[in-house]
C-alpha atoms as a PDB file:
ATOM      1  CA  MET A   1       4.400  -4.657   2.012  1.00  0.00           C
ATOM      2  CA  THR A   2       4.635  -8.416   1.192  1.00  0.00           C
ATOM      3  CA  THR A   3       1.771  -8.583  -1.169  1.00  0.00           C
ATOM      4  CA  ALA A   4       3.395  -6.552  -3.619  1.00  0.00           C
ATOM      5  CA  LYS A   5       6.588  -8.800  -4.042  1.00  0.00           C
ATOM      6  CA  ARG A   6       4.985 -11.992  -4.448  1.00  0.00           C
ATOM      7  CA  TRP A   7       4.982 -11.788  -8.283  1.00  0.00           C
ATOM      8  CA  THR A   8       7.339 -11.073 -10.955  1.00  0.00           C
ATOM      9  CA  SER A   9       7.411 -10.131 -14.647  1.00  0.00           C
ATOM     10  CA  GLY A  10       8.683  -7.832 -17.331  1.00  0.00           C
ATOM     11  CA  LEU A  11       9.287  -4.320 -16.049  1.00  0.00           C
ATOM     12  CA  LEU A  12       8.010  -1.199 -18.173  1.00  0.00           C
ATOM     13  CA  ALA A  13       9.302   2.304 -16.651  1.00  0.00           C
ATOM     14  CA  LEU A  14       6.878   5.135 -17.082  1.00  0.00           C
ATOM     15  CA  VAL A  15       8.307   8.872 -16.673  1.00  0.00           C
ATOM     16  CA  LEU A  16       5.026  10.915 -15.791  1.00  0.00           C
ATOM     17  CA  PRO A  17       6.776  14.576 -16.409  1.00  0.00           C
ATOM     18  CA  ALA A  18       3.340  16.066 -15.981  1.00  0.00           C
ATOM     19  CA  LEU A  19       3.617  15.121 -12.058  1.00  0.00           C
ATOM     20  CA  LEU A  20       7.161  15.921 -11.693  1.00  0.00           C
ATOM     21  CA  LEU A  21       6.420  18.885  -9.111  1.00  0.00           C
ATOM     22  CA  ALA A  22       3.879  17.213  -7.059  1.00  0.00           C
ATOM     23  CA  ALA A  23       4.465  13.661  -7.028  1.00  0.00           C
ATOM     24  CA  PRO A  24       7.469  10.678  -7.340  1.00  0.00           C
ATOM     25  CA  ALA A  25       8.518  11.391 -10.838  1.00  0.00           C
ATOM     26  CA  ARG A  26       9.770   7.641 -11.853  1.00  0.00           C
ATOM     27  CA  ALA A  27       7.101   4.783 -12.116  1.00  0.00           C
ATOM     28  CA  ILE A  28       7.850   1.111 -12.636  1.00  0.00           C
ATOM     29  CA  VAL A  29       5.043  -0.874 -13.418  1.00  0.00           C
ATOM     30  CA  THR A  30       5.183  -4.751 -12.802  1.00  0.00           C
ATOM     31  CA  SER A  31       2.224  -6.394 -14.864  1.00  0.00           C
ATOM     32  CA  GLY A  32       0.953  -9.791 -14.290  1.00  0.00           C
ATOM     33  CA  THR A  33      -1.515 -11.843 -12.140  1.00  0.00           C
ATOM     34  CA  PRO A  34      -0.344 -12.886  -9.170  1.00  0.00           C
ATOM     35  CA  THR A  35      -0.855 -16.368  -7.534  1.00  0.00           C
ATOM     36  CA  SER A  36      -2.784 -14.558  -4.752  1.00  0.00           C
ATOM     37  CA  LEU A  37      -2.956 -11.765  -2.500  1.00  0.00           C
ATOM     38  CA  HIS A  38      -2.804 -13.944   0.672  1.00  0.00           C
ATOM     39  CA  SER A  39      -1.301 -17.104  -1.089  1.00  0.00           C
ATOM     40  CA  ASP A  40      -0.313 -19.971   0.870  1.00  0.00           C
ATOM     41  CA  PRO A  41       2.882 -21.665  -0.705  1.00  0.00           C
ATOM     42  CA  ASP A  42       1.587 -25.261  -0.198  1.00  0.00           C
ATOM     43  CA  GLY A  43      -1.881 -24.765  -1.021  1.00  0.00           C
ATOM     44  CA  ASP A  44      -3.699 -25.309  -4.048  1.00  0.00           C
ATOM     45  CA  ALA A  45      -3.570 -22.907  -7.030  1.00  0.00           C
ATOM     46  CA  GLU A  46      -6.830 -22.832  -8.019  1.00  0.00           C
ATOM     47  CA  ALA A  47      -8.215 -22.312  -4.679  1.00  0.00           C
ATOM     48  CA  ASP A  48      -5.999 -19.708  -4.258  1.00  0.00           C
ATOM     49  CA  ARG A  49      -6.760 -18.075  -7.591  1.00  0.00           C
ATOM     50  CA  GLN A  50     -10.574 -18.052  -6.884  1.00  0.00           C
ATOM     51  CA  ALA A  51      -9.531 -16.931  -3.175  1.00  0.00           C
ATOM     52  CA  VAL A  52      -8.163 -13.546  -5.224  1.00  0.00           C
ATOM     53  CA  SER A  53     -11.044 -13.577  -7.482  1.00  0.00           C
ATOM     54  CA  ARG A  54     -13.368 -13.099  -4.706  1.00  0.00           C
ATOM     55  CA  GLU A  55     -10.979 -10.492  -2.490  1.00  0.00           C
ATOM     56  CA  ILE A  56     -11.126  -8.504  -5.816  1.00  0.00           C
ATOM     57  CA  GLU A  57     -14.476  -8.431  -6.468  1.00  0.00           C
ATOM     58  CA  ARG A  58     -15.203  -7.412  -2.549  1.00  0.00           C
ATOM     59  CA  PHE A  59     -12.955  -4.876  -3.271  1.00  0.00           C
ATOM     60  CA  ARG A  60     -14.847  -3.324  -6.146  1.00  0.00           C
ATOM     61  CA  SER A  61     -17.914  -3.466  -4.342  1.00  0.00           C
ATOM     62  CA  SER A  62     -16.797  -1.441  -1.276  1.00  0.00           C
ATOM     63  CA  SER A  63     -17.854   1.964  -0.924  1.00  0.00           C
ATOM     64  CA  ILE A  64     -14.755   3.416   0.585  1.00  0.00           C
ATOM     65  CA  SER A  65     -11.581   4.146  -1.546  1.00  0.00           C
ATOM     66  CA  ILE A  66      -7.746   3.537  -0.185  1.00  0.00           C
ATOM     67  CA  SER A  67      -7.655   6.876  -0.227  1.00  0.00           C
ATOM     68  CA  GLN A  68     -10.220   7.732   1.816  1.00  0.00           C
ATOM     69  CA  ALA A  69      -9.603   4.938   3.988  1.00  0.00           C
ATOM     70  CA  MET A  70      -5.976   6.424   4.727  1.00  0.00           C
ATOM     71  CA  ALA A  71      -7.441   9.933   5.183  1.00  0.00           C
ATOM     72  CA  ILE A  72      -9.670   8.663   8.014  1.00  0.00           C
ATOM     73  CA  ALA A  73      -6.897   6.903   9.561  1.00  0.00           C
ATOM     74  CA  GLU A  74      -4.541   9.958   9.522  1.00  0.00           C
ATOM     75  CA  ALA A  75      -7.192  12.130  10.814  1.00  0.00           C
ATOM     76  CA  ARG A  76      -7.131  10.460  14.147  1.00  0.00           C
ATOM     77  CA  HIS A  77      -3.862  11.739  15.382  1.00  0.00           C
ATOM     78  CA  ALA A  78      -2.510  15.173  14.441  1.00  0.00           C
ATOM     79  CA  GLY A  79       0.472  14.979  12.319  1.00  0.00           C
ATOM     80  CA  ALA A  80      -0.070  11.226  11.227  1.00  0.00           C
ATOM     81  CA  THR A  81       1.028   9.761   7.997  1.00  0.00           C
ATOM     82  CA  THR A  82       0.200   6.465   6.464  1.00  0.00           C
ATOM     83  CA  ALA A  83       3.094   3.948   6.387  1.00  0.00           C
ATOM     84  CA  ASP A  84       1.209   0.815   5.100  1.00  0.00           C
ATOM     85  CA  VAL A  85      -2.483   0.241   4.077  1.00  0.00           C
ATOM     86  CA  SER A  86      -4.109  -2.880   2.450  1.00  0.00           C
ATOM     87  CA  PHE A  87      -7.358  -4.318   1.632  1.00  0.00           C
ATOM     88  CA  ASP A  88      -8.887  -7.346   3.565  1.00  0.00           C
ATOM     89  CA  GLY A  89     -11.564  -8.985   2.311  1.00  0.00           C
ATOM     90  CA  ALA A  90     -11.005 -12.209   3.715  1.00  0.00           C
ATOM     91  CA  THR A  91     -12.763 -11.525   6.971  1.00  0.00           C
ATOM     92  CA  GLY A  92     -16.511 -11.423   7.547  1.00  0.00           C
ATOM     93  CA  VAL A  93     -16.644  -7.865   6.652  1.00  0.00           C
ATOM     94  CA  PRO A  94     -14.028  -6.207   3.976  1.00  0.00           C
ATOM     95  CA  VAL A  95     -12.192  -3.668   5.958  1.00  0.00           C
ATOM     96  CA  TYR A  96      -8.773  -1.586   5.213  1.00  0.00           C
ATOM     97  CA  ARG A  97      -5.803  -2.161   7.639  1.00  0.00           C
ATOM     98  CA  VAL A  98      -3.798   1.045   7.865  1.00  0.00           C
ATOM     99  CA  LYS A  99      -0.638   1.797   9.656  1.00  0.00           C
ATOM    100  CA  THR A 100       0.272   5.240  10.673  1.00  0.00           C
ATOM    101  CA  LEU A 101       3.444   7.055  11.965  1.00  0.00           C
ATOM    102  CA  GLN A 102       2.851   9.769  14.281  1.00  0.00           C
ATOM    103  CA  ASN A 103       6.014  11.159  16.249  1.00  0.00           C
ATOM    104  CA  ASP A 104       7.232   7.744  17.820  1.00  0.00           C
ATOM    105  CA  ARG A 105       4.352   5.372  17.527  1.00  0.00           C
ATOM    106  CA  ILE A 106       3.279   3.654  14.841  1.00  0.00           C
ATOM    107  CA  TRP A 107      -0.669   3.293  14.946  1.00  0.00           C
ATOM    108  CA  ARG A 108      -2.863   0.403  13.714  1.00  0.00           C
ATOM    109  CA  HIS A 109      -6.536   1.035  12.381  1.00  0.00           C
ATOM    110  CA  THR A 110      -9.064  -1.197  10.878  1.00  0.00           C
ATOM    111  CA  ILE A 111     -11.581   0.525   8.798  1.00  0.00           C
ATOM    112  CA  ASN A 112     -14.817  -0.708   7.543  1.00  0.00           C
ATOM    113  CA  ALA A 113     -14.650  -0.375   3.606  1.00  0.00           C
ATOM    114  CA  ALA A 114     -18.840   0.077   3.311  1.00  0.00           C
ATOM    115  CA  THR A 115     -18.950   2.522   6.167  1.00  0.00           C
ATOM    116  CA  GLY A 116     -15.624   4.012   6.972  1.00  0.00           C
ATOM    117  CA  GLU A 117     -16.147   3.267  10.585  1.00  0.00           C
ATOM    118  CA  ILE A 118     -13.069   2.320  12.647  1.00  0.00           C
ATOM    119  CA  VAL A 119     -13.404  -1.404  13.894  1.00  0.00           C
ATOM    120  CA  GLY A 120     -12.456  -2.644  17.203  1.00  0.00           C
ATOM    121  CA  GLY A 121     -10.677   0.463  18.176  1.00  0.00           C
ATOM    122  CA  GLU A 122      -6.974   1.264  17.367  1.00  0.00           C
ATOM    123  CA  ALA A 123      -3.528  -0.305  18.865  1.00  0.00           C
ATOM    124  CA  ALA A 124      -0.444   1.982  19.234  1.00  0.00           C
ATOM    125  CA  LEU A 125       3.176   0.650  18.911  1.00  0.00           C
ATOM    126  CA  PRO A 126       6.475   2.549  19.972  1.00  0.00           C
ATOM    127  CA  LEU A 127       8.970   2.785  17.479  1.00  0.00           C
ATOM    128  CA  ALA A 128      11.360   1.398  19.724  1.00  0.00           C
ATOM    129  CA  GLU A 129       9.664  -1.934  19.679  1.00  0.00           C
ATOM    130  CA  LEU A 130      10.708  -2.214  15.934  1.00  0.00           C
ATOM    131  CA  ASP A 131      13.301  -3.788  14.613  1.00  0.00           C
ATOM    132  CA  HIS A 132      16.287  -1.657  12.973  1.00  0.00           C
ATOM    133  CA  GLU A 133      15.457  -2.103   9.342  1.00  0.00           C
ATOM    134  CA  ASP A 134      11.486  -0.957   9.994  1.00  0.00           C
ATOM    135  CA  ARG A 135      12.910   1.939  12.170  1.00  0.00           C
ATOM    136  CA  ASP A 136      15.244   3.452   9.645  1.00  0.00           C
ATOM    137  CA  ASN A 137      12.412   3.195   6.792  1.00  0.00           C
ATOM    138  CA  LEU A 138      10.095   4.910   9.097  1.00  0.00           C
ATOM    139  CA  ALA A 139      12.614   7.540   9.950  1.00  0.00           C
ATOM    140  CA  ALA A 140      13.371   8.060   6.158  1.00  0.00           C
ATOM    141  CA  LEU A 141       9.516   8.157   5.744  1.00  0.00           C
ATOM    142  CA  GLY A 142       9.630  11.510   7.774  1.00  0.00           C
ATOM    143  CA  THR A 143      12.362  13.155   5.708  1.00  0.00           C
ATOM    144  CA  ILE A 144      10.818  12.772   2.487  1.00  0.00           C
ATOM    145  CA  ARG A 145       8.418  15.121   1.119  1.00  0.00           C
ATOM    146  CA  HIS A 146       5.813  12.869  -0.738  1.00  0.00           C
ATOM    147  CA  ARG A 147       3.447  11.117   1.365  1.00  0.00           C
ATOM    148  CA  LEU A 148       1.865   7.314   0.408  1.00  0.00           C
ATOM    149  CA  ALA A 149      -1.087   9.218  -0.814  1.00  0.00           C
ATOM    150  CA  ASP A 150       0.562  11.011  -3.396  1.00  0.00           C
ATOM    151  CA  ALA A 151       1.941   7.669  -4.316  1.00  0.00           C
ATOM    152  CA  VAL A 152      -1.560   5.867  -4.731  1.00  0.00           C
ATOM    153  CA  ARG A 153      -2.328   8.735  -7.045  1.00  0.00           C
ATOM    154  CA  VAL A 154       0.599   8.581  -9.204  1.00  0.00           C
ATOM    155  CA  ALA A 155       0.064   4.716  -9.573  1.00  0.00           C
ATOM    156  CA  GLU A 156      -3.561   4.817 -10.056  1.00  0.00           C
ATOM    157  CA  ARG A 157      -2.731   6.781 -13.325  1.00  0.00           C
ATOM    158  CA  ALA A 158       0.369   4.906 -14.244  1.00  0.00           C
ATOM    159  CA  ALA A 159      -1.551   1.555 -14.143  1.00  0.00           C
ATOM    160  CA  SER A 160      -5.054   2.893 -15.092  1.00  0.00           C
ATOM    161  CA  GLY A 161      -6.981   1.269 -12.040  1.00  0.00           C
ATOM    162  CA  LYS A 162      -7.549   1.364  -8.190  1.00  0.00           C
ATOM    163  CA  ALA A 163      -5.402   0.519  -5.660  1.00  0.00           C
ATOM    164  CA  ILE A 164      -5.840  -2.196  -3.385  1.00  0.00           C
ATOM    165  CA  SER A 165      -2.520  -1.862  -1.187  1.00  0.00           C
ATOM    166  CA  GLY A 166       0.332   0.315  -0.340  1.00  0.00           C
ATOM    167  CA  GLY A 167       3.521   0.595   1.462  1.00  0.00           C
ATOM    168  CA  LEU A 168       7.142   1.054   1.767  1.00  0.00           C
ATOM    169  CA  VAL A 169       9.737  -1.249   0.392  1.00  0.00           C
ATOM    170  CA  ARG A 170      14.000  -0.823   0.565  1.00  0.00           C
ATOM    171  CA  GLU A 171      15.692  -2.059  -2.450  1.00  0.00           C
ATOM    172  CA  ARG A 172      19.497  -0.686  -2.834  1.00  0.00           C
ATOM    173  CA  GLY A 173      19.705   1.632  -0.269  1.00  0.00           C
ATOM    174  CA  ARG A 174      16.696   3.453  -1.246  1.00  0.00           C
ATOM    175  CA  LEU A 175      13.054   3.680   0.067  1.00  0.00           C
ATOM    176  CA  ASN A 176      10.232   3.481  -2.475  1.00  0.00           C
ATOM    177  CA  PHE A 177       6.726   3.326  -2.243  1.00  0.00           C
ATOM    178  CA  ALA A 178       5.314  -0.024  -3.659  1.00  0.00           C
ATOM    179  CA  ILE A 179       1.666   0.259  -4.956  1.00  0.00           C
ATOM    180  CA  VAL A 180      -0.467  -2.919  -5.851  1.00  0.00           C
ATOM    181  CA  VAL A 181      -3.299  -1.825  -8.320  1.00  0.00           C
ATOM    182  CA  ILE A 182      -6.150  -3.530  -9.843  1.00  0.00           C
ATOM    183  CA  SER A 183      -6.395  -2.581 -13.454  1.00  0.00           C
ATOM    184  CA  GLY A 184      -9.016  -4.537 -15.515  1.00  0.00           C
ATOM    185  CA  ASP A 185      -8.814  -8.628 -14.371  1.00  0.00           C
ATOM    186  CA  ASP A 186      -5.208  -7.918 -13.266  1.00  0.00           C
ATOM    187  CA  LEU A 187      -2.786  -6.668 -10.505  1.00  0.00           C
ATOM    188  CA  LYS A 188       0.214  -4.715 -11.375  1.00  0.00           C
ATOM    189  CA  GLU A 189       2.824  -3.636  -8.805  1.00  0.00           C
ATOM    190  CA  VAL A 190       3.919  -0.118  -9.279  1.00  0.00           C
ATOM    191  CA  ILE A 191       7.314   1.168  -7.488  1.00  0.00           C
ATOM    192  CA  LEU A 192       7.800   4.873  -7.110  1.00  0.00           C
ATOM    193  CA  GLU A 193      10.955   6.340  -6.088  1.00  0.00           C
ATOM    194  CA  PRO A 194      10.666   9.424  -4.396  1.00  0.00           C
ATOM    195  CA  PRO A 195      13.394  11.879  -4.387  1.00  0.00           C
ATOM    196  CA  GLY A 196      15.572  12.351  -1.548  1.00  0.00           C
ATOM    197  CA  ALA A 197      14.680   8.777  -0.183  1.00  0.00           C
ATOM    198  CA  ARG A 198      18.215   7.586   0.193  1.00  0.00           C
ATOM    199  CA  THR A 199      18.429   5.073   3.475  1.00  0.00           C
ATOM    200  CA  LYS A 200      21.748   3.645   5.003  1.00  0.00           C
END
């Protein structure tokens, strides 16, 4: 997930003992406001800030939550699980872009954030066409008991807000869920480490 890696600030580790059995137990919340959700490194910082504000406003006015968008996409194919989801308010109609893993394919869905309808059909990509790191991450996703939907729920509670994007990141040989949450006027990144997510 690229949007979750565009800023840094102090880390606050939160232990969530009440959620140990149901979801990833460790959450690390990075607070701060990124330059942009879709920033151009050579662009105008003020224009980027305004673009982020517009995107957040469009997200807040959307009827469909990120959890609902994931459920809609997963329901399209039996046994599918979400690997990556993000809100896109830069287009004419705000949408969620959801990638689901089902057997040996990644499905890409675009879901209207106001109605929940699939926009423009769907596309599938065989896992064999992905690079080695992406294939390894997705293989690890299939071996852990927690799902991205679980991570979103934990992240929203940990950061006291609503998730706008989420996906997989691998750091120091461990596969984590990285969720970006809107909390008040800030964006916070929550990193969740699911048990048993060691990768090579």
